[in-house]
Amino acid sequence: MPPVRLRRLFSPEDAGQLQDSGALETVAHYLALLQDAYLIASLEKYAAQTHRRRSAPPKLVTLNNGLLSAMHPDGAPDREHEPARFGQWVENACLAFAFNQGQRVMYWREDRSK
């Protein structure tokens, strides 16, 4: 996999941009390798119905924020100047901590169009 595609896995701005089937198969394979190496975790969406859980795309959590820092050209976010990116890092750190402690972690996303 070219490094550019691998970087997209850790970039919230580019999430969902890989659409062709060959790219999706390659990404799925590399995601499985990253999960086996305990570098990332794939979280299911919370839903009461099983079919809704399985049809939603997983949320990827990097299990060490150092990887996020290494992959981003600006390094770690500045809380004062980049509050949105800093918030994403805090969310990732909390989810990674819970996952690393053996808790069952899922995510919730509300429809923002309402």
PDB file of N, CA and C in Angstrom:
ATOM      1  N   MET A   1       0.852  -1.175   0.000  1.00  0.00           N
ATOM      2  CA  MET A   1       0.000   0.000   0.000  1.00  0.00           C
ATOM      3  C   MET A   1       0.892   1.230   0.000  1.00  0.00           C
ATOM      4  N   PRO A   2       0.627   2.183  -0.872  1.00  0.00           N
ATOM      5  CA  PRO A   2       1.423   3.403  -0.875  1.00  0.00           C
ATOM      6  C   PRO A   2       1.250   4.158   0.446  1.00  0.00           C
ATOM      7  N   PRO A   3       2.296   4.840   0.913  1.00  0.00           N
ATOM      8  CA  PRO A   3       2.200   5.560   2.183  1.00  0.00           C
ATOM      9  C   PRO A   3       1.071   6.579   2.228  1.00  0.00           C
ATOM     10  N   VAL A   4       0.710   7.164   1.080  1.00  0.00           N
ATOM     11  CA  VAL A   4      -0.365   8.148   1.069  1.00  0.00           C
ATOM     12  C   VAL A   4      -1.676   7.507   1.510  1.00  0.00           C
ATOM     13  N   ARG A   5      -1.965   6.315   1.009  1.00  0.00           N
ATOM     14  CA  ARG A   5      -3.191   5.622   1.425  1.00  0.00           C
ATOM     15  C   ARG A   5      -3.149   5.254   2.898  1.00  0.00           C
ATOM     16  N   LEU A   6      -1.998   4.818   3.359  1.00  0.00           N
ATOM     17  CA  LEU A   6      -1.873   4.460   4.764  1.00  0.00           C
ATOM     18  C   LEU A   6      -2.084   5.687   5.640  1.00  0.00           C
ATOM     19  N   ARG A   7      -1.566   6.833   5.222  1.00  0.00           N
ATOM     20  CA  ARG A   7      -1.783   8.059   5.989  1.00  0.00           C
ATOM     21  C   ARG A   7      -3.261   8.407   6.077  1.00  0.00           C
ATOM     22  N   ARG A   8      -4.012   8.123   5.017  1.00  0.00           N
ATOM     23  CA  ARG A   8      -5.446   8.418   5.016  1.00  0.00           C
ATOM     24  C   ARG A   8      -6.189   7.641   6.096  1.00  0.00           C
ATOM     25  N   LEU A   9      -5.679   6.491   6.467  1.00  0.00           N
ATOM     26  CA  LEU A   9      -6.333   5.706   7.514  1.00  0.00           C
ATOM     27  C   LEU A   9      -6.358   6.462   8.825  1.00  0.00           C
ATOM     28  N   PHE A  10      -5.341   7.291   9.068  1.00  0.00           N
ATOM     29  CA  PHE A  10      -5.223   8.010  10.331  1.00  0.00           C
ATOM     30  C   PHE A  10      -5.657   9.457  10.219  1.00  0.00           C
ATOM     31  N   SER A  11      -6.188   9.851   9.083  1.00  0.00           N
ATOM     32  CA  SER A  11      -6.573  11.238   8.864  1.00  0.00           C
ATOM     33  C   SER A  11      -8.085  11.365   8.881  1.00  0.00           C
ATOM     34  N   PRO A  12      -8.651  12.022   9.897  1.00  0.00           N
ATOM     35  CA  PRO A  12     -10.101  12.171   9.945  1.00  0.00           C
ATOM     36  C   PRO A  12     -10.644  12.992   8.775  1.00  0.00           C
ATOM     37  N   GLU A  13      -9.831  13.896   8.224  1.00  0.00           N
ATOM     38  CA  GLU A  13     -10.282  14.735   7.123  1.00  0.00           C
ATOM     39  C   GLU A  13     -10.527  13.913   5.857  1.00  0.00           C
ATOM     40  N   ASP A  14      -9.777  12.831   5.648  1.00  0.00           N
ATOM     41  CA  ASP A  14      -9.881  12.032   4.429  1.00  0.00           C
ATOM     42  C   ASP A  14     -10.690  10.755   4.612  1.00  0.00           C
ATOM     43  N   ALA A  15     -11.311  10.591   5.752  1.00  0.00           N
ATOM     44  CA  ALA A  15     -12.055   9.348   6.004  1.00  0.00           C
ATOM     45  C   ALA A  15     -13.166   9.184   4.969  1.00  0.00           C
ATOM     46  N   GLY A  16     -13.286   7.989   4.457  1.00  0.00           N
ATOM     47  CA  GLY A  16     -14.337   7.689   3.498  1.00  0.00           C
ATOM     48  C   GLY A  16     -14.021   8.067   2.068  1.00  0.00           C
ATOM     49  N   GLN A  17     -12.788   8.434   1.731  1.00  0.00           N
ATOM     50  CA  GLN A  17     -12.455   8.877   0.387  1.00  0.00           C
ATOM     51  C   GLN A  17     -12.008   7.743  -0.534  1.00  0.00           C
ATOM     52  N   LEU A  18     -11.703   6.582   0.001  1.00  0.00           N
ATOM     53  CA  LEU A  18     -11.260   5.460  -0.823  1.00  0.00           C
ATOM     54  C   LEU A  18     -12.485   4.680  -1.281  1.00  0.00           C
ATOM     55  N   GLN A  19     -12.797   4.720  -2.573  1.00  0.00           N
ATOM     56  CA  GLN A  19     -14.047   4.149  -3.037  1.00  0.00           C
ATOM     57  C   GLN A  19     -13.902   2.945  -3.965  1.00  0.00           C
ATOM     58  N   ASP A  20     -12.851   2.849  -4.785  1.00  0.00           N
ATOM     59  CA  ASP A  20     -12.796   1.729  -5.734  1.00  0.00           C
ATOM     60  C   ASP A  20     -12.544   0.417  -5.005  1.00  0.00           C
ATOM     61  N   SER A  21     -13.045  -0.683  -5.585  1.00  0.00           N
ATOM     62  CA  SER A  21     -13.039  -1.967  -4.884  1.00  0.00           C
ATOM     63  C   SER A  21     -11.632  -2.485  -4.602  1.00  0.00           C
ATOM     64  N   GLY A  22     -10.691  -2.291  -5.514  1.00  0.00           N
ATOM     65  CA  GLY A  22      -9.325  -2.744  -5.266  1.00  0.00           C
ATOM     66  C   GLY A  22      -8.715  -2.037  -4.080  1.00  0.00           C
ATOM     67  N   ALA A  23      -8.958  -0.738  -3.999  1.00  0.00           N
ATOM     68  CA  ALA A  23      -8.439   0.036  -2.870  1.00  0.00           C
ATOM     69  C   ALA A  23      -9.095  -0.412  -1.572  1.00  0.00           C
ATOM     70  N   LEU A  24     -10.392  -0.682  -1.614  1.00  0.00           N
ATOM     71  CA  LEU A  24     -11.094  -1.104  -0.402  1.00  0.00           C
ATOM     72  C   LEU A  24     -10.595  -2.449   0.107  1.00  0.00           C
ATOM     73  N   GLU A  25     -10.342  -3.381  -0.804  1.00  0.00           N
ATOM     74  CA  GLU A  25      -9.808  -4.684  -0.394  1.00  0.00           C
ATOM     75  C   GLU A  25      -8.419  -4.537   0.210  1.00  0.00           C
ATOM     76  N   THR A  26      -7.604  -3.711  -0.410  1.00  0.00           N
ATOM     77  CA  THR A  26      -6.251  -3.482   0.103  1.00  0.00           C
ATOM     78  C   THR A  26      -6.300  -2.834   1.475  1.00  0.00           C
ATOM     79  N   VAL A  27      -7.153  -1.828   1.614  1.00  0.00           N
ATOM     80  CA  VAL A  27      -7.284  -1.142   2.905  1.00  0.00           C
ATOM     81  C   VAL A  27      -7.794  -2.108   3.965  1.00  0.00           C
ATOM     82  N   ALA A  28      -8.778  -2.931   3.621  1.00  0.00           N
ATOM     83  CA  ALA A  28      -9.303  -3.903   4.588  1.00  0.00           C
ATOM     84  C   ALA A  28      -8.201  -4.856   5.047  1.00  0.00           C
ATOM     85  N   HIS A  29      -7.358  -5.288   4.119  1.00  0.00           N
ATOM     86  CA  HIS A  29      -6.255  -6.181   4.473  1.00  0.00           C
ATOM     87  C   HIS A  29      -5.280  -5.483   5.422  1.00  0.00           C
ATOM     88  N   TYR A  30      -4.909  -4.244   5.100  1.00  0.00           N
ATOM     89  CA  TYR A  30      -3.973  -3.521   5.960  1.00  0.00           C
ATOM     90  C   TYR A  30      -4.588  -3.170   7.303  1.00  0.00           C
ATOM     91  N   LEU A  31      -5.881  -2.874   7.330  1.00  0.00           N
ATOM     92  CA  LEU A  31      -6.543  -2.628   8.609  1.00  0.00           C
ATOM     93  C   LEU A  31      -6.484  -3.867   9.492  1.00  0.00           C
ATOM     94  N   ALA A  32      -6.689  -5.035   8.907  1.00  0.00           N
ATOM     95  CA  ALA A  32      -6.604  -6.280   9.676  1.00  0.00           C
ATOM     96  C   ALA A  32      -5.192  -6.472  10.231  1.00  0.00           C
ATOM     97  N   LEU A  33      -4.181  -6.158   9.425  1.00  0.00           N
ATOM     98  CA  LEU A  33      -2.797  -6.267   9.912  1.00  0.00           C
ATOM     99  C   LEU A  33      -2.525  -5.286  11.047  1.00  0.00           C
ATOM    100  N   LEU A  34      -3.020  -4.053  10.912  1.00  0.00           N
ATOM    101  CA  LEU A  34      -2.825  -3.051  11.967  1.00  0.00           C
ATOM    102  C   LEU A  34      -3.549  -3.449  13.246  1.00  0.00           C
ATOM    103  N   GLN A  35      -4.724  -4.069  13.111  1.00  0.00           N
ATOM    104  CA  GLN A  35      -5.444  -4.541  14.297  1.00  0.00           C
ATOM    105  C   GLN A  35      -4.703  -5.700  14.950  1.00  0.00           C
ATOM    106  N   ASP A  36      -4.189  -6.606  14.140  1.00  0.00           N
ATOM    107  CA  ASP A  36      -3.434  -7.740  14.686  1.00  0.00           C
ATOM    108  C   ASP A  36      -2.171  -7.283  15.407  1.00  0.00           C
ATOM    109  N   ALA A  37      -1.613  -6.150  14.983  1.00  0.00           N
ATOM    110  CA  ALA A  37      -0.413  -5.602  15.622  1.00  0.00           C
ATOM    111  C   ALA A  37      -0.761  -4.683  16.802  1.00  0.00           C
ATOM    112  N   TYR A  38      -2.044  -4.577  17.138  1.00  0.00           N
ATOM    113  CA  TYR A  38      -2.529  -3.730  18.234  1.00  0.00           C
ATOM    114  C   TYR A  38      -2.143  -2.262  18.042  1.00  0.00           C
ATOM    115  N   LEU A  39      -2.189  -1.795  16.796  1.00  0.00           N
ATOM    116  CA  LEU A  39      -1.940  -0.381  16.511  1.00  0.00           C
ATOM    117  C   LEU A  39      -3.241   0.403  16.404  1.00  0.00           C
ATOM    118  N   ILE A  40      -4.297  -0.258  15.935  1.00  0.00           N
ATOM    119  CA  ILE A  40      -5.602   0.378  15.841  1.00  0.00           C
ATOM    120  C   ILE A  40      -6.663  -0.579  16.354  1.00  0.00           C
ATOM    121  N   ALA A  41      -7.835  -0.012  16.638  1.00  0.00           N
ATOM    122  CA  ALA A  41      -9.008  -0.805  16.998  1.00  0.00           C
ATOM    123  C   ALA A  41     -10.163  -0.313  16.137  1.00  0.00           C
ATOM    124  N   SER A  42     -11.017  -1.220  15.777  1.00  0.00           N
ATOM    125  CA  SER A  42     -12.199  -0.916  14.983  1.00  0.00           C
ATOM    126  C   SER A  42     -13.401  -0.992  15.905  1.00  0.00           C
ATOM    127  N   LEU A  43     -14.122   0.117  16.073  1.00  0.00           N
ATOM    128  CA  LEU A  43     -15.260   0.163  16.986  1.00  0.00           C
ATOM    129  C   LEU A  43     -16.565   0.094  16.213  1.00  0.00           C
ATOM    130  N   GLU A  44     -17.506  -0.701  16.724  1.00  0.00           N
ATOM    131  CA  GLU A  44     -18.837  -0.781  16.133  1.00  0.00           C
ATOM    132  C   GLU A  44     -19.675   0.399  16.588  1.00  0.00           C
ATOM    133  N   LYS A  45     -20.625   0.778  15.739  1.00  0.00           N
ATOM    134  CA  LYS A  45     -21.593   1.800  16.110  1.00  0.00           C
ATOM    135  C   LYS A  45     -22.599   1.172  17.071  1.00  0.00           C
ATOM    136  N   TYR A  46     -22.997   1.919  18.090  1.00  0.00           N
ATOM    137  CA  TYR A  46     -24.001   1.413  19.016  1.00  0.00           C
ATOM    138  C   TYR A  46     -25.367   1.478  18.341  1.00  0.00           C
ATOM    139  N   ALA A  47     -26.078   0.383  18.366  1.00  0.00           N
ATOM    140  CA  ALA A  47     -27.453   0.312  17.879  1.00  0.00           C
ATOM    141  C   ALA A  47     -28.112  -0.898  18.522  1.00  0.00           C
ATOM    142  N   ALA A  48     -29.395  -0.764  18.823  1.00  0.00           N
ATOM    143  CA  ALA A  48     -30.120  -1.874  19.437  1.00  0.00           C
ATOM    144  C   ALA A  48     -30.280  -3.038  18.461  1.00  0.00           C
ATOM    145  N   GLN A  49     -30.465  -2.728  17.182  1.00  0.00           N
ATOM    146  CA  GLN A  49     -30.641  -3.767  16.172  1.00  0.00           C
ATOM    147  C   GLN A  49     -29.284  -4.180  15.597  1.00  0.00           C
ATOM    148  N   THR A  50     -29.048  -5.469  15.526  1.00  0.00           N
ATOM    149  CA  THR A  50     -27.777  -5.993  15.032  1.00  0.00           C
ATOM    150  C   THR A  50     -27.503  -5.563  13.607  1.00  0.00           C
ATOM    151  N   HIS A  51     -28.512  -5.576  12.738  1.00  0.00           N
ATOM    152  CA  HIS A  51     -28.282  -5.209  11.340  1.00  0.00           C
ATOM    153  C   HIS A  51     -27.848  -3.755  11.195  1.00  0.00           C
ATOM    154  N   ARG A  52     -28.303  -2.872  12.074  1.00  0.00           N
ATOM    155  CA  ARG A  52     -27.869  -1.470  12.018  1.00  0.00           C
ATOM    156  C   ARG A  52     -26.414  -1.338  12.466  1.00  0.00           C
ATOM    157  N   ARG A  53     -26.031  -2.136  13.443  1.00  0.00           N
ATOM    158  CA  ARG A  53     -24.648  -2.124  13.916  1.00  0.00           C
ATOM    159  C   ARG A  53     -23.693  -2.561  12.815  1.00  0.00           C
ATOM    160  N   ARG A  54     -24.062  -3.606  12.109  1.00  0.00           N
ATOM    161  CA  ARG A  54     -23.181  -4.177  11.095  1.00  0.00           C
ATOM    162  C   ARG A  54     -23.158  -3.366   9.808  1.00  0.00           C
ATOM    163  N   SER A  55     -24.225  -2.629   9.525  1.00  0.00           N
ATOM    164  CA  SER A  55     -24.261  -1.857   8.279  1.00  0.00           C
ATOM    165  C   SER A  55     -23.515  -0.528   8.400  1.00  0.00           C
ATOM    166  N   ALA A  56     -23.283  -0.061   9.606  1.00  0.00           N
ATOM    167  CA  ALA A  56     -22.577   1.210   9.803  1.00  0.00           C
ATOM    168  C   ALA A  56     -21.070   0.999   9.684  1.00  0.00           C
ATOM    169  N   PRO A  57     -20.367   1.967   9.125  1.00  0.00           N
ATOM    170  CA  PRO A  57     -18.909   1.831   9.039  1.00  0.00           C
ATOM    171  C   PRO A  57     -18.279   1.885  10.428  1.00  0.00           C
ATOM    172  N   PRO A  58     -17.206   1.146  10.641  1.00  0.00           N
ATOM    173  CA  PRO A  58     -16.557   1.182  11.960  1.00  0.00           C
ATOM    174  C   PRO A  58     -15.813   2.497  12.167  1.00  0.00           C
ATOM    175  N   LYS A  59     -15.628   2.842  13.414  1.00  0.00           N
ATOM    176  CA  LYS A  59     -14.809   4.004  13.768  1.00  0.00           C
ATOM    177  C   LYS A  59     -13.436   3.460  14.124  1.00  0.00           C
ATOM    178  N   LEU A  60     -12.403   4.029  13.520  1.00  0.00           N
ATOM    179  CA  LEU A  60     -11.045   3.568  13.792  1.00  0.00           C
ATOM    180  C   LEU A  60     -10.431   4.401  14.906  1.00  0.00           C
ATOM    181  N   VAL A  61      -9.843   3.714  15.854  1.00  0.00           N
ATOM    182  CA  VAL A  61      -9.166   4.360  16.970  1.00  0.00           C
ATOM    183  C   VAL A  61      -7.709   3.932  16.935  1.00  0.00           C
ATOM    184  N   THR A  62      -6.832   4.901  16.947  1.00  0.00           N
ATOM    185  CA  THR A  62      -5.407   4.620  17.027  1.00  0.00           C
ATOM    186  C   THR A  62      -5.092   4.369  18.501  1.00  0.00           C
ATOM    187  N   LEU A  63      -4.503   3.230  18.795  1.00  0.00           N
ATOM    188  CA  LEU A  63      -4.308   2.840  20.189  1.00  0.00           C
ATOM    189  C   LEU A  63      -3.141   3.543  20.867  1.00  0.00           C
ATOM    190  N   ASN A  64      -2.450   4.393  20.134  1.00  0.00           N
ATOM    191  CA  ASN A  64      -1.378   5.199  20.718  1.00  0.00           C
ATOM    192  C   ASN A  64      -1.365   6.530  19.973  1.00  0.00           C
ATOM    193  N   ASN A  65      -1.612   7.630  20.688  1.00  0.00           N
ATOM    194  CA  ASN A  65      -1.653   8.939  20.037  1.00  0.00           C
ATOM    195  C   ASN A  65      -0.307   9.338  19.443  1.00  0.00           C
ATOM    196  N   GLY A  66       0.756   8.660  19.815  1.00  0.00           N
ATOM    197  CA  GLY A  66       2.056   8.922  19.205  1.00  0.00           C
ATOM    198  C   GLY A  66       2.033   8.643  17.705  1.00  0.00           C
ATOM    199  N   LEU A  67       1.244   7.652  17.288  1.00  0.00           N
ATOM    200  CA  LEU A  67       1.097   7.376  15.855  1.00  0.00           C
ATOM    201  C   LEU A  67       0.430   8.544  15.149  1.00  0.00           C
ATOM    202  N   LEU A  68      -0.582   9.127  15.782  1.00  0.00           N
ATOM    203  CA  LEU A  68      -1.240  10.283  15.187  1.00  0.00           C
ATOM    204  C   LEU A  68      -0.259  11.439  15.033  1.00  0.00           C
ATOM    205  N   SER A  69       0.552  11.640  16.031  1.00  0.00           N
ATOM    206  CA  SER A  69       1.549  12.711  15.980  1.00  0.00           C
ATOM    207  C   SER A  69       2.566  12.467  14.881  1.00  0.00           C
ATOM    208  N   ALA A  70       2.991  11.223  14.732  1.00  0.00           N
ATOM    209  CA  ALA A  70       3.984  10.896  13.710  1.00  0.00           C
ATOM    210  C   ALA A  70       3.419  11.035  12.303  1.00  0.00           C
ATOM    211  N   MET A  71       2.124  10.757  12.130  1.00  0.00           N
ATOM    212  CA  MET A  71       1.516  10.780  10.801  1.00  0.00           C
ATOM    213  C   MET A  71       1.058  12.169  10.376  1.00  0.00           C
ATOM    214  N   HIS A  72       0.859  13.081  11.301  1.00  0.00           N
ATOM    215  CA  HIS A  72       0.372  14.414  10.948  1.00  0.00           C
ATOM    216  C   HIS A  72       1.557  15.337  10.687  1.00  0.00           C
ATOM    217  N   PRO A  73       1.520  16.101   9.600  1.00  0.00           N
ATOM    218  CA  PRO A  73       2.672  16.960   9.284  1.00  0.00           C
ATOM    219  C   PRO A  73       2.968  18.020  10.344  1.00  0.00           C
ATOM    220  N   ASP A  74       1.950  18.434  11.114  1.00  0.00           N
ATOM    221  CA  ASP A  74       2.168  19.452  12.150  1.00  0.00           C
ATOM    222  C   ASP A  74       2.428  18.858  13.526  1.00  0.00           C
ATOM    223  N   GLY A  75       2.456  17.544  13.633  1.00  0.00           N
ATOM    224  CA  GLY A  75       2.675  16.914  14.931  1.00  0.00           C
ATOM    225  C   GLY A  75       1.440  16.992  15.810  1.00  0.00           C
ATOM    226  N   ALA A  76       1.671  17.078  17.102  1.00  0.00           N
ATOM    227  CA  ALA A  76       0.567  17.126  18.066  1.00  0.00           C
ATOM    228  C   ALA A  76      -0.187  18.448  17.937  1.00  0.00           C
ATOM    229  N   PRO A  77      -1.512  18.434  18.170  1.00  0.00           N
ATOM    230  CA  PRO A  77      -2.288  19.665  18.022  1.00  0.00           C
ATOM    231  C   PRO A  77      -2.076  20.615  19.191  1.00  0.00           C
ATOM    232  N   ASP A  78      -2.234  21.887  18.906  1.00  0.00           N
ATOM    233  CA  ASP A  78      -2.172  22.929  19.926  1.00  0.00           C
ATOM    234  C   ASP A  78      -3.601  23.195  20.398  1.00  0.00           C
ATOM    235  N   ARG A  79      -3.837  23.044  21.678  1.00  0.00           N
ATOM    236  CA  ARG A  79      -5.181  23.190  22.232  1.00  0.00           C
ATOM    237  C   ARG A  79      -5.760  24.572  21.964  1.00  0.00           C
ATOM    238  N   GLU A  80      -4.934  25.583  22.001  1.00  0.00           N
ATOM    239  CA  GLU A  80      -5.411  26.965  21.817  1.00  0.00           C
ATOM    240  C   GLU A  80      -5.715  27.281  20.357  1.00  0.00           C
ATOM    241  N   HIS A  81      -4.867  26.813  19.436  1.00  0.00           N
ATOM    242  CA  HIS A  81      -4.988  27.188  18.032  1.00  0.00           C
ATOM    243  C   HIS A  81      -5.747  26.173  17.180  1.00  0.00           C
ATOM    244  N   GLU A  82      -5.850  24.941  17.639  1.00  0.00           N
ATOM    245  CA  GLU A  82      -6.546  23.885  16.894  1.00  0.00           C
ATOM    246  C   GLU A  82      -7.491  23.121  17.814  1.00  0.00           C
ATOM    247  N   PRO A  83      -8.513  23.785  18.350  1.00  0.00           N
ATOM    248  CA  PRO A  83      -9.370  23.114  19.331  1.00  0.00           C
ATOM    249  C   PRO A  83     -10.104  21.895  18.766  1.00  0.00           C
ATOM    250  N   ALA A  84     -10.508  21.942  17.499  1.00  0.00           N
ATOM    251  CA  ALA A  84     -11.235  20.793  16.925  1.00  0.00           C
ATOM    252  C   ALA A  84     -10.326  19.575  16.829  1.00  0.00           C
ATOM    253  N   ARG A  85      -9.116  19.757  16.323  1.00  0.00           N
ATOM    254  CA  ARG A  85      -8.188  18.621  16.203  1.00  0.00           C
ATOM    255  C   ARG A  85      -7.746  18.147  17.583  1.00  0.00           C
ATOM    256  N   PHE A  86      -7.573  19.075  18.508  1.00  0.00           N
ATOM    257  CA  PHE A  86      -7.215  18.692  19.877  1.00  0.00           C
ATOM    258  C   PHE A  86      -8.331  17.841  20.491  1.00  0.00           C
ATOM    259  N   GLY A  87      -9.591  18.229  20.244  1.00  0.00           N
ATOM    260  CA  GLY A  87     -10.723  17.451  20.745  1.00  0.00           C
ATOM    261  C   GLY A  87     -10.753  16.047  20.171  1.00  0.00           C
ATOM    262  N   GLN A  88     -10.415  15.920  18.884  1.00  0.00           N
ATOM    263  CA  GLN A  88     -10.346  14.592  18.266  1.00  0.00           C
ATOM    264  C   GLN A  88      -9.267  13.747  18.929  1.00  0.00           C
ATOM    265  N   TRP A  89      -8.159  14.363  19.277  1.00  0.00           N
ATOM    266  CA  TRP A  89      -7.067  13.626  19.929  1.00  0.00           C
ATOM    267  C   TRP A  89      -7.469  13.185  21.332  1.00  0.00           C
ATOM    268  N   VAL A  90      -8.171  14.053  22.055  1.00  0.00           N
ATOM    269  CA  VAL A  90      -8.621  13.676  23.396  1.00  0.00           C
ATOM    270  C   VAL A  90      -9.625  12.535  23.303  1.00  0.00           C
ATOM    271  N   GLU A  91     -10.567  12.639  22.345  1.00  0.00           N
ATOM    272  CA  GLU A  91     -11.536  11.558  22.143  1.00  0.00           C
ATOM    273  C   GLU A  91     -10.812  10.258  21.819  1.00  0.00           C
ATOM    274  N   ASN A  92      -9.834  10.304  20.923  1.00  0.00           N
ATOM    275  CA  ASN A  92      -9.084   9.108  20.559  1.00  0.00           C
ATOM    276  C   ASN A  92      -8.358   8.537  21.773  1.00  0.00           C
ATOM    277  N   ALA A  93      -7.755   9.403  22.572  1.00  0.00           N
ATOM    278  CA  ALA A  93      -7.017   8.940  23.755  1.00  0.00           C
ATOM    279  C   ALA A  93      -7.948   8.252  24.752  1.00  0.00           C
ATOM    280  N   CYS A  94      -9.140   8.812  24.952  1.00  0.00           N
ATOM    281  CA  CYS A  94     -10.098   8.216  25.889  1.00  0.00           C
ATOM    282  C   CYS A  94     -10.600   6.867  25.384  1.00  0.00           C
ATOM    283  N   LEU A  95     -10.928   6.802  24.096  1.00  0.00           N
ATOM    284  CA  LEU A  95     -11.396   5.535  23.524  1.00  0.00           C
ATOM    285  C   LEU A  95     -10.294   4.482  23.553  1.00  0.00           C
ATOM    286  N   ALA A  96      -9.070   4.892  23.238  1.00  0.00           N
ATOM    287  CA  ALA A  96      -7.946   3.956  23.253  1.00  0.00           C
ATOM    288  C   ALA A  96      -7.695   3.442  24.667  1.00  0.00           C
ATOM    289  N   PHE A  97      -7.778   4.332  25.654  1.00  0.00           N
ATOM    290  CA  PHE A  97      -7.574   3.919  27.041  1.00  0.00           C
ATOM    291  C   PHE A  97      -8.617   2.876  27.451  1.00  0.00           C
ATOM    292  N   ALA A  98      -9.883   3.157  27.143  1.00  0.00           N
ATOM    293  CA  ALA A  98     -10.949   2.210  27.501  1.00  0.00           C
ATOM    294  C   ALA A  98     -10.742   0.870  26.794  1.00  0.00           C
ATOM    295  N   PHE A  99     -10.403   0.914  25.503  1.00  0.00           N
ATOM    296  CA  PHE A  99     -10.177  -0.317  24.745  1.00  0.00           C
ATOM    297  C   PHE A  99      -8.990  -1.087  25.322  1.00  0.00           C
ATOM    298  N   ASN A 100      -7.903  -0.392  25.630  1.00  0.00           N
ATOM    299  CA  ASN A 100      -6.709  -1.040  26.175  1.00  0.00           C
ATOM    300  C   ASN A 100      -6.945  -1.625  27.566  1.00  0.00           C
ATOM    301  N   GLN A 101      -7.958  -1.117  28.278  1.00  0.00           N
ATOM    302  CA  GLN A 101      -8.301  -1.656  29.594  1.00  0.00           C
ATOM    303  C   GLN A 101      -9.237  -2.861  29.498  1.00  0.00           C
ATOM    304  N   GLY A 102      -9.581  -3.246  28.272  1.00  0.00           N
ATOM    305  CA  GLY A 102     -10.413  -4.420  28.070  1.00  0.00           C
ATOM    306  C   GLY A 102     -11.905  -4.150  28.086  1.00  0.00           C
ATOM    307  N   GLN A 103     -12.295  -2.879  28.062  1.00  0.00           N
ATOM    308  CA  GLN A 103     -13.715  -2.555  28.051  1.00  0.00           C
ATOM    309  C   GLN A 103     -14.287  -2.728  26.646  1.00  0.00           C
ATOM    310  N   ARG A 104     -15.561  -3.057  26.576  1.00  0.00           N
ATOM    311  CA  ARG A 104     -16.242  -3.120  25.280  1.00  0.00           C
ATOM    312  C   ARG A 104     -16.621  -1.694  24.909  1.00  0.00           C
ATOM    313  N   VAL A 105     -16.061  -1.198  23.831  1.00  0.00           N
ATOM    314  CA  VAL A 105     -16.243   0.198  23.434  1.00  0.00           C
ATOM    315  C   VAL A 105     -16.977   0.251  22.102  1.00  0.00           C
ATOM    316  N   MET A 106     -17.997   1.100  22.049  1.00  0.00           N
ATOM    317  CA  MET A 106     -18.746   1.348  20.814  1.00  0.00           C
ATOM    318  C   MET A 106     -18.842   2.867  20.656  1.00  0.00           C
ATOM    319  N   TYR A 107     -19.277   3.298  19.474  1.00  0.00           N
ATOM    320  CA  TYR A 107     -19.443   4.743  19.282  1.00  0.00           C
ATOM    321  C   TYR A 107     -20.883   5.069  18.963  1.00  0.00           C
ATOM    322  N   TRP A 108     -21.244   6.319  19.166  1.00  0.00           N
ATOM    323  CA  TRP A 108     -22.586   6.812  18.902  1.00  0.00           C
ATOM    324  C   TRP A 108     -22.460   8.035  18.029  1.00  0.00           C
ATOM    325  N   ARG A 109     -23.265   8.085  16.980  1.00  0.00           N
ATOM    326  CA  ARG A 109     -23.265   9.260  16.103  1.00  0.00           C
ATOM    327  C   ARG A 109     -24.709   9.647  15.859  1.00  0.00           C
ATOM    328  N   GLU A 110     -25.021  10.915  16.159  1.00  0.00           N
ATOM    329  CA  GLU A 110     -26.368  11.410  15.928  1.00  0.00           C
ATOM    330  C   GLU A 110     -26.460  12.036  14.552  1.00  0.00           C
ATOM    331  N   ASP A 111     -27.655  12.016  13.992  1.00  0.00           N
ATOM    332  CA  ASP A 111     -27.892  12.643  12.704  1.00  0.00           C
ATOM    333  C   ASP A 111     -27.885  14.152  12.906  1.00  0.00           C
ATOM    334  N   ARG A 112     -26.914  14.831  12.308  1.00  0.00           N
ATOM    335  CA  ARG A 112     -26.778  16.280  12.502  1.00  0.00           C
ATOM    336  C   ARG A 112     -27.681  17.092  11.577  1.00  0.00           C
ATOM    337  N   SER A 113     -28.378  16.435  10.667  1.00  0.00           N
ATOM    338  CA  SER A 113     -29.241  17.178   9.735  1.00  0.00           C
ATOM    339  C   SER A 113     -30.555  17.621  10.387  1.00  0.00           C
ATOM    340  N   LYS A 114     -30.856  17.082  11.556  1.00  0.00           N
ATOM    341  CA  LYS A 114     -32.116  17.429  12.218  1.00  0.00           C
ATOM    342  C   LYS A 114     -31.962  18.671  13.060  1.00  0.00           C
TER     343      LYS A 114
END
